[in-house]
Structures are given as C-alpha cells and as structure tokens.
Amino acid sequence: MTRMPVVAGRFYEGTEETLMPRLKESFLKNLGPGRLPEGPPGDSDQIKALVAPHAGYVYSGMTAAHSYIRLFEDQVPEHLVVLGPNHTGVGKTVAICEDDWKTPLGIVSYDTELGPAIIKEDKYAESDCIAHSSEHSIEVQLPFLQYIYGGLSFVPICLGTRRYDICESLGLTLAKLAEDMNITVIASSDFTHFESAESAKKKDNQAMEYLEFLDAEGFLEFINSHKVSVCGAAPITVATVFAKEMGATRFNLLKYTNSGDVTGNKNDVVAYVAAEYI
C-alpha cells in the first residue's frame, strides 16, 4: 500500500517541476542557511535528533532548511524515524503507518526492519494509518529528505498524546533498538501559535530552556501547565528522551523565526524552530 500526499499543492508545491525550485529557494533565501546541500553527505554522525517545523514552505521552509542542511552535512541516516503530532485526533495514540509514502518527488519507503521492531518492543505503539490519513506534519518533512538524499526509507509515527509516560516509553524504545541499529529521529513541530512575535518568543525561549538541559519531562510539564501552543510537544519530548539516552549533551538552536518574518505582521504569528541534539 502507498500513502498518497494530502497537502501537496497546499503546504508545498504539487509537482516536481514546481517543488524542486521551492526547496532550492528554501536553502538560499534570506531566512535560510544560505547554501545548498551539495557534494557528498557528511559522515561524522554527531546528530542524534532534529527539530523541524511543518507549516507551509513559504512560511517555514527556510527554517526547516537549517535542520536539513545540518543533517546532510553530518550523516546519511541508516534508520530514520519522523515523529509528528496528531492534529486531527483520529487513530491510535502512537500510530505507525506501515505504508510507503508518495510525494511529488517519488516514493519514500517504509522501513520494514525498524518499524515492526518498534511495534513489537513498545507497549503503546500500534500499526495504524488512520491517524496519518489527513495529517500534514510528517508529510511535509519528506520532500526535504528526498531533496538532500534522493531515495530513503523511514518510520512515520503520529503521536496523539501529551502524556509523559507514553513519550518516555517510545524514546527509550528507540534508544534500546539503537543499540543494534543506527537511528536518527526528526521531531516535527511548530512552536507558539497566534500570539504576538514578542509573546511567542518569550514563551518559546522559556520552553527551550528545558531542552537545553535535555529535560524532557520538565519541557512537557511546562508546555502542559502553561498551555503553550507547541503542537509537536510530544514529538520533541520523545526526541529529547532518545537523544539524551543516546549520549547527546547539547540542544543547539539552529534558527528561530516566525510567520511575521515573511508576512510583516508581527501581531499574530506562528513560530518555527530548527534545532539539533548532539
């Protein structure tokens, strides 16, 4: 089975001919890293996990490009997990879609070695594509991965929870499996929504203080107790648990922007973060 794209033509261009220039532009435009992922990928394998935004490329693509150029310059992931929040509320709590995924750039294969291992090992993880059926947060990461690597495989996990015990379980599961596999995790998330740029930055900086100490539980507790609108709080929590367990010692903020940097409206923004755990 193949999971067809549901936001092509809306969040990003719907054809290869129009999408490739958009991706190139994301790397080269003012808010982007200013360089392209050219030459052979790196092989230092320092990055354990990344955070990347999932809004329309016109707003957050340049920020996402900071995460993806770092990944390209660091490694070719042997096994890749992309974690996204469940915006629709349908499907299982920890849902792994065991389908290949199609984008305008071609097919991204399901990792048939790692995916079933996660389902077997983690008591919350289940095979379920319903949670992914209308969800955009994972889909929008794939064209960037195809742009920098060409063909690849991955495990898509949609998280419909903000319970720490569930997030911790998945992070520890991934770390346990990483004893025998080289696993890299991408957490898909936007940050504060629909507040002024000043208010969003204040809240986001407070939240990221916990990440700087790799304090996954403190981060999620802060998000939940202060009702901070970081939609991918669960994916970030899982990534933080995993990265710390894998020996990461730093959370590096690569880029922080908001939609107002594009629209000029700083009174009502959505904030975007690119970050790495090394």
Protein backbone atom coordinates (compact mmCIF):
# COMPACT_ATOMS: atom_id res chain seq x y z
CA MET A 1 0.00 0.00 0.00
CA THR A 2 1.03 3.61 -0.60
CA ARG A 3 0.06 6.62 1.47
CA MET A 4 -0.74 9.38 -1.03
CA PRO A 5 0.11 13.03 -0.32
CA VAL A 6 -2.71 15.04 1.25
CA VAL A 7 -1.21 18.55 1.41
CA ALA A 8 0.73 18.69 -1.88
CA GLY A 9 -0.43 21.81 -3.70
CA ARG A 10 -1.30 23.48 -0.39
CA PHE A 11 1.58 23.32 2.10
CA TYR A 12 4.08 22.83 -0.69
CA GLU A 13 4.04 22.74 -4.50
CA GLY A 14 2.21 19.82 -6.03
CA THR A 15 4.53 18.89 -8.90
CA GLU A 16 8.21 18.02 -9.10
CA GLU A 17 8.76 20.87 -11.57
CA THR A 18 7.48 23.48 -9.11
CA LEU A 19 8.57 21.82 -5.86
CA MET A 20 12.28 21.49 -6.65
CA PRO A 21 12.77 25.25 -7.14
CA ARG A 22 10.85 25.92 -3.91
CA LEU A 23 13.15 23.58 -1.98
CA LYS A 24 16.26 25.15 -3.50
CA GLU A 25 14.89 28.58 -2.63
CA SER A 26 14.31 27.47 0.97
CA PHE A 27 18.04 26.86 1.37
CA LEU A 28 19.15 30.04 -0.41
CA LYS A 29 16.64 32.71 0.67
CA ASN A 30 17.37 35.27 3.39
CA LEU A 31 15.91 33.25 6.27
CA GLY A 32 17.51 30.03 5.04
CA PRO A 33 21.06 28.76 5.65
CA GLY A 34 22.36 30.46 2.51
CA ARG A 35 23.90 27.36 0.97
CA LEU A 36 22.78 24.18 -0.76
CA PRO A 37 23.34 20.57 0.32
CA GLU A 38 25.95 19.87 -2.35
CA GLY A 39 28.70 17.29 -2.68
CA PRO A 40 28.83 14.05 -0.70
CA PRO A 41 26.93 13.93 2.63
CA GLY A 42 28.94 14.07 5.83
CA ASP A 43 29.89 11.07 7.92
CA SER A 44 30.52 12.44 11.42
CA ASP A 45 27.21 11.06 12.77
CA GLN A 46 27.03 13.57 15.63
CA ILE A 47 23.33 14.37 15.32
CA LYS A 48 21.04 12.14 17.36
CA ALA A 49 17.83 14.06 16.66
CA LEU A 50 16.47 17.18 14.98
CA VAL A 51 13.52 19.52 15.34
CA ALA A 52 11.98 20.91 12.14
CA PRO A 53 8.79 22.94 11.53
CA HIS A 54 5.83 21.81 9.44
CA ALA A 55 3.98 24.88 8.19
CA GLY A 56 3.63 25.85 4.55
CA TYR A 57 7.03 26.08 2.91
CA VAL A 58 6.55 29.76 2.10
CA TYR A 59 6.49 30.42 5.86
CA SER A 60 8.68 27.76 7.47
CA GLY A 61 10.62 26.12 4.64
CA MET A 62 13.64 28.36 5.15
CA THR A 63 13.76 27.45 8.84
CA ALA A 64 13.41 23.74 8.08
CA ALA A 65 16.30 24.03 5.63
CA HIS A 66 18.63 24.83 8.55
CA SER A 67 17.85 21.44 10.10
CA TYR A 68 18.18 19.56 6.85
CA ILE A 69 21.45 21.05 5.72
CA ARG A 70 22.92 20.16 9.12
CA LEU A 71 21.65 16.61 8.73
CA PHE A 72 23.10 16.36 5.22
CA GLU A 73 26.47 17.68 6.34
CA ASP A 74 26.52 15.28 9.30
CA GLN A 75 25.29 11.90 8.05
CA VAL A 76 23.20 9.65 5.87
CA PRO A 77 20.80 8.09 8.40
CA GLU A 78 20.78 4.31 8.35
CA HIS A 79 17.37 4.23 10.02
CA LEU A 80 15.18 7.33 10.24
CA VAL A 81 12.15 7.99 12.45
CA VAL A 82 9.93 11.01 11.77
CA LEU A 83 7.65 11.92 14.67
CA GLY A 84 4.65 14.17 14.18
CA PRO A 85 1.73 15.35 16.29
CA ASN A 86 -1.82 14.27 15.57
CA HIS A 87 -3.73 17.44 14.64
CA THR A 88 -6.96 15.62 13.76
CA GLY A 89 -7.47 13.40 16.82
CA VAL A 90 -8.28 10.28 14.81
CA GLY A 91 -6.49 6.95 15.00
CA LYS A 92 -4.28 5.28 17.58
CA THR A 93 -2.28 7.14 20.22
CA VAL A 94 1.14 6.02 18.93
CA ALA A 95 0.41 5.25 15.30
CA ILE A 96 2.93 3.79 12.86
CA CYS A 97 1.76 3.77 9.25
CA GLU A 98 3.30 0.71 7.61
CA ASP A 99 2.90 2.03 4.07
CA ASP A 100 5.30 3.57 1.61
CA TRP A 101 4.67 7.31 1.21
CA LYS A 102 4.38 9.18 -2.05
CA THR A 103 5.27 12.82 -2.67
CA PRO A 104 5.64 14.77 -5.93
CA LEU A 105 9.31 13.72 -5.84
CA GLY A 106 8.58 9.99 -5.71
CA ILE A 107 8.28 7.22 -3.13
CA VAL A 108 9.72 7.19 0.39
CA SER A 109 9.79 3.58 1.55
CA TYR A 110 8.61 2.27 4.89
CA ASP A 111 11.48 0.84 6.93
CA THR A 112 10.39 -2.78 7.25
CA GLU A 113 13.20 -3.60 9.68
CA LEU A 114 12.80 -0.81 12.24
CA GLY A 115 9.04 -0.21 12.07
CA PRO A 116 7.91 -3.70 13.12
CA ALA A 117 10.64 -3.75 15.79
CA ILE A 118 9.18 -0.60 17.38
CA ILE A 119 5.68 -2.08 17.36
CA LYS A 120 6.98 -5.27 18.96
CA GLU A 121 9.10 -3.50 21.59
CA ASP A 122 6.91 -0.55 22.66
CA LYS A 123 3.68 -1.33 24.51
CA TYR A 124 1.93 1.78 23.17
CA ALA A 125 2.97 1.62 19.50
CA GLU A 126 0.45 0.20 17.04
CA SER A 127 0.16 -0.24 13.30
CA ASP A 128 -2.32 2.39 12.13
CA CYS A 129 -2.54 4.58 9.03
CA ILE A 130 -5.83 6.23 10.01
CA ALA A 131 -4.03 8.70 12.27
CA HIS A 132 -1.89 9.70 9.27
CA SER A 133 -4.73 9.94 6.74
CA SER A 134 -5.17 13.73 6.92
CA GLU A 135 -2.08 14.64 8.95
CA HIS A 136 0.45 17.02 7.40
CA SER A 137 3.21 17.22 10.00
CA ILE A 138 5.18 14.20 8.78
CA GLU A 139 4.38 14.53 5.09
CA VAL A 140 5.93 17.99 4.79
CA GLN A 141 9.30 16.70 6.02
CA LEU A 142 9.64 14.15 3.24
CA PRO A 143 10.37 16.40 0.24
CA PHE A 144 13.27 17.94 2.17
CA LEU A 145 14.65 14.47 2.88
CA GLN A 146 14.22 13.47 -0.76
CA TYR A 147 15.90 16.69 -1.89
CA ILE A 148 19.04 16.08 0.19
CA TYR A 149 19.30 12.29 -0.11
CA GLY A 150 17.20 11.11 -3.06
CA GLY A 151 15.80 7.71 -2.13
CA LEU A 152 15.43 6.69 1.50
CA SER A 153 13.27 4.75 3.94
CA PHE A 154 11.74 5.81 7.25
CA VAL A 155 9.27 5.07 10.04
CA PRO A 156 6.42 7.60 10.42
CA ILE A 157 5.00 7.86 13.94
CA CYS A 158 1.98 10.05 14.68
CA LEU A 159 1.52 10.92 18.36
CA GLY A 160 -1.92 11.75 19.72
CA THR A 161 -0.90 12.28 23.34
CA ARG A 162 0.84 14.61 25.75
CA ARG A 163 1.37 12.01 28.45
CA TYR A 164 4.99 11.88 29.54
CA ASP A 165 4.98 8.16 30.30
CA ILE A 166 3.97 7.35 26.72
CA CYS A 167 6.57 9.72 25.27
CA GLU A 168 9.27 8.38 27.57
CA SER A 169 8.42 4.80 26.65
CA LEU A 170 8.83 5.48 22.94
CA GLY A 171 12.06 7.42 23.41
CA LEU A 172 13.55 4.62 25.48
CA THR A 173 12.32 2.03 22.98
CA LEU A 174 14.09 3.82 20.14
CA ALA A 175 17.27 4.09 22.21
CA LYS A 176 17.16 0.39 23.02
CA LEU A 177 16.73 -0.51 19.35
CA ALA A 178 19.58 1.86 18.51
CA GLU A 179 21.93 -0.50 20.32
CA ASP A 180 21.75 -2.64 17.18
CA MET A 181 20.71 -0.06 14.57
CA ASN A 182 21.91 3.44 13.72
CA ILE A 183 18.75 5.50 14.32
CA THR A 184 18.18 9.23 13.79
CA VAL A 185 15.00 10.96 14.95
CA ILE A 186 13.24 14.01 13.48
CA ALA A 187 10.60 15.74 15.61
CA SER A 188 8.13 17.75 13.53
CA SER A 189 6.75 20.76 15.38
CA ASP A 190 5.80 24.38 15.10
CA PHE A 191 6.14 26.50 18.22
CA THR A 192 3.84 29.14 19.72
CA HIS A 193 0.76 29.87 17.61
CA PHE A 194 -1.34 33.01 17.08
CA GLU A 195 0.29 35.39 19.52
CA SER A 196 2.48 38.44 19.02
CA ALA A 197 6.05 37.77 17.98
CA GLU A 198 7.26 39.16 21.31
CA SER A 199 4.95 36.94 23.37
CA ALA A 200 5.74 33.87 21.27
CA LYS A 201 9.48 34.34 21.60
CA LYS A 202 9.24 34.76 25.37
CA LYS A 203 7.25 31.54 25.81
CA ASP A 204 9.35 29.60 23.33
CA ASN A 205 12.59 30.66 24.98
CA GLN A 206 11.24 29.51 28.34
CA ALA A 207 10.28 26.15 26.85
CA MET A 208 13.64 25.72 25.15
CA GLU A 209 15.48 26.34 28.41
CA TYR A 210 14.32 22.86 29.45
CA LEU A 211 15.56 21.41 26.17
CA GLU A 212 18.97 22.99 26.70
CA PHE A 213 19.25 20.81 29.81
CA LEU A 214 17.77 17.84 27.92
CA ASP A 215 14.95 17.88 30.49
CA ALA A 216 12.20 16.15 28.53
CA GLU A 217 9.81 15.83 31.45
CA GLY A 218 10.29 19.44 32.53
CA PHE A 219 9.70 20.61 28.97
CA LEU A 220 6.44 18.72 28.60
CA GLU A 221 5.24 19.77 32.06
CA PHE A 222 5.94 23.41 31.19
CA ILE A 223 4.07 23.13 27.89
CA ASN A 224 1.08 21.43 29.51
CA SER A 225 0.86 23.55 32.66
CA HIS A 226 1.30 26.89 30.87
CA LYS A 227 -0.82 25.85 27.87
CA VAL A 228 1.93 26.80 25.43
CA SER A 229 0.77 26.07 21.88
CA VAL A 230 3.74 23.99 20.74
CA CYS A 231 1.82 21.46 18.66
CA GLY A 232 4.66 18.95 18.47
CA ALA A 233 5.41 18.88 22.19
CA ALA A 234 5.10 15.09 22.26
CA PRO A 235 7.47 14.50 19.30
CA ILE A 236 10.00 16.88 20.87
CA THR A 237 9.69 15.09 24.21
CA VAL A 238 10.31 11.71 22.58
CA ALA A 239 13.28 13.10 20.66
CA THR A 240 14.75 14.59 23.84
CA VAL A 241 14.42 11.32 25.77
CA PHE A 242 16.00 9.44 22.88
CA ALA A 243 18.84 11.89 22.32
CA LYS A 244 19.80 12.03 25.99
CA GLU A 245 19.73 8.25 26.25
CA MET A 246 21.99 8.10 23.18
CA GLY A 247 24.58 10.32 24.84
CA ALA A 248 23.66 13.74 23.46
CA THR A 249 24.83 16.58 25.67
CA ARG A 250 23.59 19.62 23.78
CA PHE A 251 20.42 21.04 22.27
CA ASN A 252 21.55 23.58 19.68
CA LEU A 253 19.11 26.13 18.31
CA LEU A 254 19.93 26.49 14.62
CA LYS A 255 17.26 29.02 13.65
CA TYR A 256 14.21 30.70 15.20
CA THR A 257 11.74 32.56 13.01
CA ASN A 258 8.05 33.33 12.83
CA SER A 259 5.48 33.83 10.11
CA GLY A 260 5.71 37.58 10.59
CA ASP A 261 9.23 37.48 9.18
CA VAL A 262 7.54 36.64 5.87
CA THR A 263 4.21 38.47 6.11
CA GLY A 264 5.35 41.53 8.06
CA ASN A 265 2.53 41.03 10.59
CA LYS A 266 4.17 40.62 13.99
CA ASN A 267 0.92 40.85 15.96
CA ASP A 268 -0.33 37.34 15.17
CA VAL A 269 2.38 34.83 14.32
CA VAL A 270 3.30 31.16 14.32
CA ALA A 271 6.86 30.48 15.45
CA TYR A 272 9.28 28.00 13.90
CA VAL A 273 12.36 26.26 15.30
CA ALA A 274 15.23 24.38 13.69
CA ALA A 275 17.38 22.58 16.25
CA GLU A 276 19.72 19.65 16.72
CA TYR A 277 20.65 17.31 19.56
CA ILE A 278 24.33 16.33 19.51
